[in-house]
Amino acid sequence: MDLGLKEKVALVGAASKGLGKASALALAREGARVTICARTEADLHAAAQEIRDETGAEGGALRSNV
């Protein structure tokens, strides 16, 4: 399915696990550049790397407690 997200930017909170991570992965699969944020730095970076490895999408990870 093409949602028209290629080259768009997405910020996904609570994205180191569960629904947030699944959402970030789905957006990356659609071509969006995804930046994820979460509280736990180790989980956050592991999730970001998994998303990059699986999709090749650009993006990043920001630790946040907001």
PDB file of N, CA and C in Angstrom:
ATOM      1  N   MET A   1       0.855  -1.168   0.000  1.00  0.00           N
ATOM      2  CA  MET A   1       0.000   0.000   0.000  1.00  0.00           C
ATOM      3  C   MET A   1       0.900   1.230   0.000  1.00  0.00           C
ATOM      4  N   ASP A   2       0.608   2.203  -0.817  1.00  0.00           N
ATOM      5  CA  ASP A   2       1.364   3.442  -0.860  1.00  0.00           C
ATOM      6  C   ASP A   2       0.553   4.543  -0.170  1.00  0.00           C
ATOM      7  N   LEU A   3       1.032   4.952   0.978  1.00  0.00           N
ATOM      8  CA  LEU A   3       0.337   5.985   1.742  1.00  0.00           C
ATOM      9  C   LEU A   3       0.854   7.388   1.426  1.00  0.00           C
ATOM     10  N   GLY A   4       1.791   7.491   0.495  1.00  0.00           N
ATOM     11  CA  GLY A   4       2.330   8.796   0.132  1.00  0.00           C
ATOM     12  C   GLY A   4       3.246   9.386   1.186  1.00  0.00           C
ATOM     13  N   LEU A   5       3.973   8.541   1.906  1.00  0.00           N
ATOM     14  CA  LEU A   5       4.827   9.023   2.992  1.00  0.00           C
ATOM     15  C   LEU A   5       6.299   9.118   2.623  1.00  0.00           C
ATOM     16  N   LYS A   6       6.645   8.778   1.386  1.00  0.00           N
ATOM     17  CA  LYS A   6       8.043   8.817   0.980  1.00  0.00           C
ATOM     18  C   LYS A   6       8.603  10.222   1.173  1.00  0.00           C
ATOM     19  N   GLU A   7       9.758  10.276   1.863  1.00  0.00           N
ATOM     20  CA  GLU A   7      10.453  11.528   2.164  1.00  0.00           C
ATOM     21  C   GLU A   7       9.740  12.422   3.175  1.00  0.00           C
ATOM     22  N   LYS A   8       8.661  11.964   3.785  1.00  0.00           N
ATOM     23  CA  LYS A   8       8.018  12.702   4.883  1.00  0.00           C
ATOM     24  C   LYS A   8       8.770  12.381   6.160  1.00  0.00           C
ATOM     25  N   VAL A   9       8.570  13.176   7.178  1.00  0.00           N
ATOM     26  CA  VAL A   9       9.233  12.978   8.468  1.00  0.00           C
ATOM     27  C   VAL A   9       8.191  12.649   9.514  1.00  0.00           C
ATOM     28  N   ALA A  10       8.489  11.632  10.321  1.00  0.00           N
ATOM     29  CA  ALA A  10       7.574  11.228  11.388  1.00  0.00           C
ATOM     30  C   ALA A  10       8.334  11.165  12.707  1.00  0.00           C
ATOM     31  N   LEU A  11       7.712  11.635  13.765  1.00  0.00           N
ATOM     32  CA  LEU A  11       8.240  11.526  15.121  1.00  0.00           C
ATOM     33  C   LEU A  11       7.269  10.649  15.892  1.00  0.00           C
ATOM     34  N   VAL A  12       7.785   9.555  16.449  1.00  0.00           N
ATOM     35  CA  VAL A  12       6.931   8.605  17.163  1.00  0.00           C
ATOM     36  C   VAL A  12       7.421   8.500  18.601  1.00  0.00           C
ATOM     37  N   GLY A  13       6.533   8.792  19.542  1.00  0.00           N
ATOM     38  CA  GLY A  13       6.864   8.684  20.959  1.00  0.00           C
ATOM     39  C   GLY A  13       6.576   7.296  21.502  1.00  0.00           C
ATOM     40  N   ALA A  14       7.206   6.968  22.611  1.00  0.00           N
ATOM     41  CA  ALA A  14       7.052   5.668  23.265  1.00  0.00           C
ATOM     42  C   ALA A  14       7.305   4.544  22.272  1.00  0.00           C
ATOM     43  N   ALA A  15       8.386   4.695  21.488  1.00  0.00           N
ATOM     44  CA  ALA A  15       8.602   3.818  20.340  1.00  0.00           C
ATOM     45  C   ALA A  15       9.688   2.772  20.537  1.00  0.00           C
ATOM     46  N   SER A  16      10.119   2.519  21.751  1.00  0.00           N
ATOM     47  CA  SER A  16      11.153   1.506  21.934  1.00  0.00           C
ATOM     48  C   SER A  16      10.582   0.091  21.991  1.00  0.00           C
ATOM     49  N   LYS A  17       9.277  -0.024  22.199  1.00  0.00           N
ATOM     50  CA  LYS A  17       8.629  -1.339  22.287  1.00  0.00           C
ATOM     51  C   LYS A  17       7.176  -1.223  21.859  1.00  0.00           C
ATOM     52  N   GLY A  18       6.543  -2.360  21.722  1.00  0.00           N
ATOM     53  CA  GLY A  18       5.108  -2.438  21.559  1.00  0.00           C
ATOM     54  C   GLY A  18       4.530  -1.657  20.390  1.00  0.00           C
ATOM     55  N   LEU A  19       3.384  -1.016  20.636  1.00  0.00           N
ATOM     56  CA  LEU A  19       2.634  -0.323  19.591  1.00  0.00           C
ATOM     57  C   LEU A  19       3.415   0.842  18.993  1.00  0.00           C
ATOM     58  N   GLY A  20       4.141   1.566  19.808  1.00  0.00           N
ATOM     59  CA  GLY A  20       4.940   2.682  19.288  1.00  0.00           C
ATOM     60  C   GLY A  20       6.004   2.208  18.319  1.00  0.00           C
ATOM     61  N   LYS A  21       6.689   1.140  18.672  1.00  0.00           N
ATOM     62  CA  LYS A  21       7.714   0.577  17.795  1.00  0.00           C
ATOM     63  C   LYS A  21       7.089   0.044  16.508  1.00  0.00           C
ATOM     64  N   ALA A  22       5.958  -0.632  16.618  1.00  0.00           N
ATOM     65  CA  ALA A  22       5.265  -1.164  15.439  1.00  0.00           C
ATOM     66  C   ALA A  22       4.823  -0.023  14.523  1.00  0.00           C
ATOM     67  N   SER A  23       4.371   1.072  15.102  1.00  0.00           N
ATOM     68  CA  SER A  23       3.959   2.231  14.307  1.00  0.00           C
ATOM     69  C   SER A  23       5.153   2.843  13.575  1.00  0.00           C
ATOM     70  N   ALA A  24       6.257   2.997  14.283  1.00  0.00           N
ATOM     71  CA  ALA A  24       7.462   3.552  13.669  1.00  0.00           C
ATOM     72  C   ALA A  24       7.954   2.654  12.541  1.00  0.00           C
ATOM     73  N   LEU A  25       7.913   1.365  12.746  1.00  0.00           N
ATOM     74  CA  LEU A  25       8.334   0.412  11.725  1.00  0.00           C
ATOM     75  C   LEU A  25       7.432   0.497  10.494  1.00  0.00           C
ATOM     76  N   ALA A  26       6.127   0.587  10.706  1.00  0.00           N
ATOM     77  CA  ALA A  26       5.188   0.696   9.585  1.00  0.00           C
ATOM     78  C   ALA A  26       5.421   1.988   8.796  1.00  0.00           C
ATOM     79  N   LEU A  27       5.661   3.085   9.485  1.00  0.00           N
ATOM     80  CA  LEU A  27       5.937   4.354   8.807  1.00  0.00           C
ATOM     81  C   LEU A  27       7.227   4.273   7.996  1.00  0.00           C
ATOM     82  N   ALA A  28       8.251   3.660   8.583  1.00  0.00           N
ATOM     83  CA  ALA A  28       9.525   3.505   7.875  1.00  0.00           C
ATOM     84  C   ALA A  28       9.364   2.620   6.646  1.00  0.00           C
ATOM     85  N   ARG A  29       8.566   1.587   6.760  1.00  0.00           N
ATOM     86  CA  ARG A  29       8.317   0.707   5.609  1.00  0.00           C
ATOM     87  C   ARG A  29       7.634   1.462   4.465  1.00  0.00           C
ATOM     88  N   GLU A  30       6.872   2.482   4.804  1.00  0.00           N
ATOM     89  CA  GLU A  30       6.180   3.289   3.798  1.00  0.00           C
ATOM     90  C   GLU A  30       7.075   4.392   3.235  1.00  0.00           C
ATOM     91  N   GLY A  31       8.311   4.482   3.706  1.00  0.00           N
ATOM     92  CA  GLY A  31       9.258   5.434   3.148  1.00  0.00           C
ATOM     93  C   GLY A  31       9.484   6.689   3.949  1.00  0.00           C
ATOM     94  N   ALA A  32       8.862   6.811   5.105  1.00  0.00           N
ATOM     95  CA  ALA A  32       9.060   8.001   5.940  1.00  0.00           C
ATOM     96  C   ALA A  32      10.414   7.942   6.642  1.00  0.00           C
ATOM     97  N   ARG A  33      10.958   9.111   6.909  1.00  0.00           N
ATOM     98  CA  ARG A  33      12.144   9.216   7.766  1.00  0.00           C
ATOM     99  C   ARG A  33      11.605   9.270   9.190  1.00  0.00           C
ATOM    100  N   VAL A  34      11.975   8.307  10.002  1.00  0.00           N
ATOM    101  CA  VAL A  34      11.354   8.166  11.318  1.00  0.00           C
ATOM    102  C   VAL A  34      12.357   8.463  12.424  1.00  0.00           C
ATOM    103  N   THR A  35      11.955   9.336  13.332  1.00  0.00           N
ATOM    104  CA  THR A  35      12.706   9.555  14.564  1.00  0.00           C
ATOM    105  C   THR A  35      11.831   9.061  15.698  1.00  0.00           C
ATOM    106  N   ILE A  36      12.440   8.251  16.556  1.00  0.00           N
ATOM    107  CA  ILE A  36      11.687   7.687  17.677  1.00  0.00           C
ATOM    108  C   ILE A  36      12.216   8.257  18.986  1.00  0.00           C
ATOM    109  N   CYS A  37      11.344   8.297  19.975  1.00  0.00           N
ATOM    110  CA  CYS A  37      11.773   8.720  21.297  1.00  0.00           C
ATOM    111  C   CYS A  37      11.155   7.796  22.349  1.00  0.00           C
ATOM    112  N   ALA A  38      11.884   7.667  23.450  1.00  0.00           N
ATOM    113  CA  ALA A  38      11.465   6.832  24.575  1.00  0.00           C
ATOM    114  C   ALA A  38      12.340   7.184  25.772  1.00  0.00           C
ATOM    115  N   ARG A  39      11.997   6.627  26.922  1.00  0.00           N
ATOM    116  CA  ARG A  39      12.749   6.922  28.142  1.00  0.00           C
ATOM    117  C   ARG A  39      13.998   6.072  28.306  1.00  0.00           C
ATOM    118  N   THR A  40      13.933   4.800  27.947  1.00  0.00           N
ATOM    119  CA  THR A  40      15.028   3.869  28.199  1.00  0.00           C
ATOM    120  C   THR A  40      15.993   3.869  27.022  1.00  0.00           C
ATOM    121  N   GLU A  41      17.182   4.413  27.235  1.00  0.00           N
ATOM    122  CA  GLU A  41      18.128   4.632  26.147  1.00  0.00           C
ATOM    123  C   GLU A  41      18.557   3.343  25.443  1.00  0.00           C
ATOM    124  N   ALA A  42      18.846   2.295  26.176  1.00  0.00           N
ATOM    125  CA  ALA A  42      19.292   1.048  25.548  1.00  0.00           C
ATOM    126  C   ALA A  42      18.210   0.465  24.644  1.00  0.00           C
ATOM    127  N   ASP A  43      16.976   0.414  25.131  1.00  0.00           N
ATOM    128  CA  ASP A  43      15.859  -0.090  24.317  1.00  0.00           C
ATOM    129  C   ASP A  43      15.618   0.801  23.113  1.00  0.00           C
ATOM    130  N   LEU A  44      15.741   2.098  23.319  1.00  0.00           N
ATOM    131  CA  LEU A  44      15.523   3.072  22.258  1.00  0.00           C
ATOM    132  C   LEU A  44      16.502   2.865  21.107  1.00  0.00           C
ATOM    133  N   HIS A  45      17.774   2.766  21.421  1.00  0.00           N
ATOM    134  CA  HIS A  45      18.774   2.602  20.369  1.00  0.00           C
ATOM    135  C   HIS A  45      18.667   1.244  19.691  1.00  0.00           C
ATOM    136  N   ALA A  46      18.302   0.226  20.441  1.00  0.00           N
ATOM    137  CA  ALA A  46      18.099  -1.100  19.844  1.00  0.00           C
ATOM    138  C   ALA A  46      16.933  -1.071  18.858  1.00  0.00           C
ATOM    139  N   ALA A  47      15.853  -0.408  19.222  1.00  0.00           N
ATOM    140  CA  ALA A  47      14.683  -0.301  18.336  1.00  0.00           C
ATOM    141  C   ALA A  47      15.027   0.506  17.084  1.00  0.00           C
ATOM    142  N   ALA A  48      15.749   1.603  17.254  1.00  0.00           N
ATOM    143  CA  ALA A  48      16.136   2.431  16.100  1.00  0.00           C
ATOM    144  C   ALA A  48      17.005   1.631  15.139  1.00  0.00           C
ATOM    145  N   GLN A  49      17.932   0.862  15.674  1.00  0.00           N
ATOM    146  CA  GLN A  49      18.795   0.053  14.820  1.00  0.00           C
ATOM    147  C   GLN A  49      17.996  -1.033  14.097  1.00  0.00           C
ATOM    148  N   GLU A  50      17.060  -1.644  14.804  1.00  0.00           N
ATOM    149  CA  GLU A  50      16.208  -2.665  14.190  1.00  0.00           C
ATOM    150  C   GLU A  50      15.397  -2.074  13.028  1.00  0.00           C
ATOM    151  N   ILE A  51      14.864  -0.884  13.226  1.00  0.00           N
ATOM    152  CA  ILE A  51      14.085  -0.229  12.179  1.00  0.00           C
ATOM    153  C   ILE A  51      14.975   0.088  10.976  1.00  0.00           C
ATOM    154  N   ARG A  52      16.182   0.613  11.233  1.00  0.00           N
ATOM    155  CA  ARG A  52      17.107   0.909  10.135  1.00  0.00           C
ATOM    156  C   ARG A  52      17.505  -0.359   9.395  1.00  0.00           C
ATOM    157  N   ASP A  53      17.815  -1.419  10.137  1.00  0.00           N
ATOM    158  CA  ASP A  53      18.246  -2.676   9.517  1.00  0.00           C
ATOM    159  C   ASP A  53      17.146  -3.288   8.659  1.00  0.00           C
ATOM    160  N   GLU A  54      15.927  -3.244   9.156  1.00  0.00           N
ATOM    161  CA  GLU A  54      14.817  -3.881   8.455  1.00  0.00           C
ATOM    162  C   GLU A  54      14.333  -3.077   7.249  1.00  0.00           C
ATOM    163  N   THR A  55      14.405  -1.753   7.328  1.00  0.00           N
ATOM    164  CA  THR A  55      13.794  -0.930   6.279  1.00  0.00           C
ATOM    165  C   THR A  55      14.791  -0.111   5.465  1.00  0.00           C
ATOM    166  N   GLY A  56      15.965   0.133   6.013  1.00  0.00           N
ATOM    167  CA  GLY A  56      16.926   1.006   5.354  1.00  0.00           C
ATOM    168  C   GLY A  56      16.551   2.473   5.448  1.00  0.00           C
ATOM    169  N   ALA A  57      15.536   2.778   6.227  1.00  0.00           N
ATOM    170  CA  ALA A  57      15.047   4.152   6.354  1.00  0.00           C
ATOM    171  C   ALA A  57      16.011   5.014   7.163  1.00  0.00           C
ATOM    172  N   GLU A  58      16.045   6.294   6.812  1.00  0.00           N
ATOM    173  CA  GLU A  58      16.795   7.258   7.604  1.00  0.00           C
ATOM    174  C   GLU A  58      15.989   7.591   8.850  1.00  0.00           C
ATOM    175  N   GLY A  59      16.672   8.046   9.860  1.00  0.00           N
ATOM    176  CA  GLY A  59      15.967   8.451  11.068  1.00  0.00           C
ATOM    177  C   GLY A  59      16.910   8.480  12.248  1.00  0.00           C
ATOM    178  N   GLY A  60      16.343   8.625  13.415  1.00  0.00           N
ATOM    179  CA  GLY A  60      17.170   8.722  14.591  1.00  0.00           C
ATOM    180  C   GLY A  60      16.429   8.343  15.838  1.00  0.00           C
ATOM    181  N   ALA A  61      17.091   8.568  16.961  1.00  0.00           N
ATOM    182  CA  ALA A  61      16.520   8.226  18.254  1.00  0.00           C
ATOM    183  C   ALA A  61      16.845   9.350  19.241  1.00  0.00           C
ATOM    184  N   LEU A  62      15.846   9.747  20.012  1.00  0.00           N
ATOM    185  CA  LEU A  62      16.000  10.794  21.014  1.00  0.00           C
ATOM    186  C   LEU A  62      15.491  10.281  22.342  1.00  0.00           C
ATOM    187  N   ARG A  63      16.342  10.316  23.370  1.00  0.00           N
ATOM    188  CA  ARG A  63      15.887   9.942  24.694  1.00  0.00           C
ATOM    189  C   ARG A  63      15.049  11.081  25.251  1.00  0.00           C
ATOM    190  N   SER A  64      13.887  10.767  25.756  1.00  0.00           N
ATOM    191  CA  SER A  64      12.987  11.791  26.274  1.00  0.00           C
ATOM    192  C   SER A  64      12.141  11.224  27.393  1.00  0.00           C
ATOM    193  N   ASN A  65      11.894  12.030  28.392  1.00  0.00           N
ATOM    194  CA  ASN A  65      11.058  11.618  29.510  1.00  0.00           C
ATOM    195  C   ASN A  65       9.825  12.513  29.578  1.00  0.00           C
ATOM    196  N   VAL A  66       9.380  12.992  28.446  1.00  0.00           N
ATOM    197  CA  VAL A  66       8.240  13.909  28.397  1.00  0.00           C
ATOM    198  C   VAL A  66       6.961  13.140  28.163  1.00  0.00           C
TER     199      VAL A  66
END
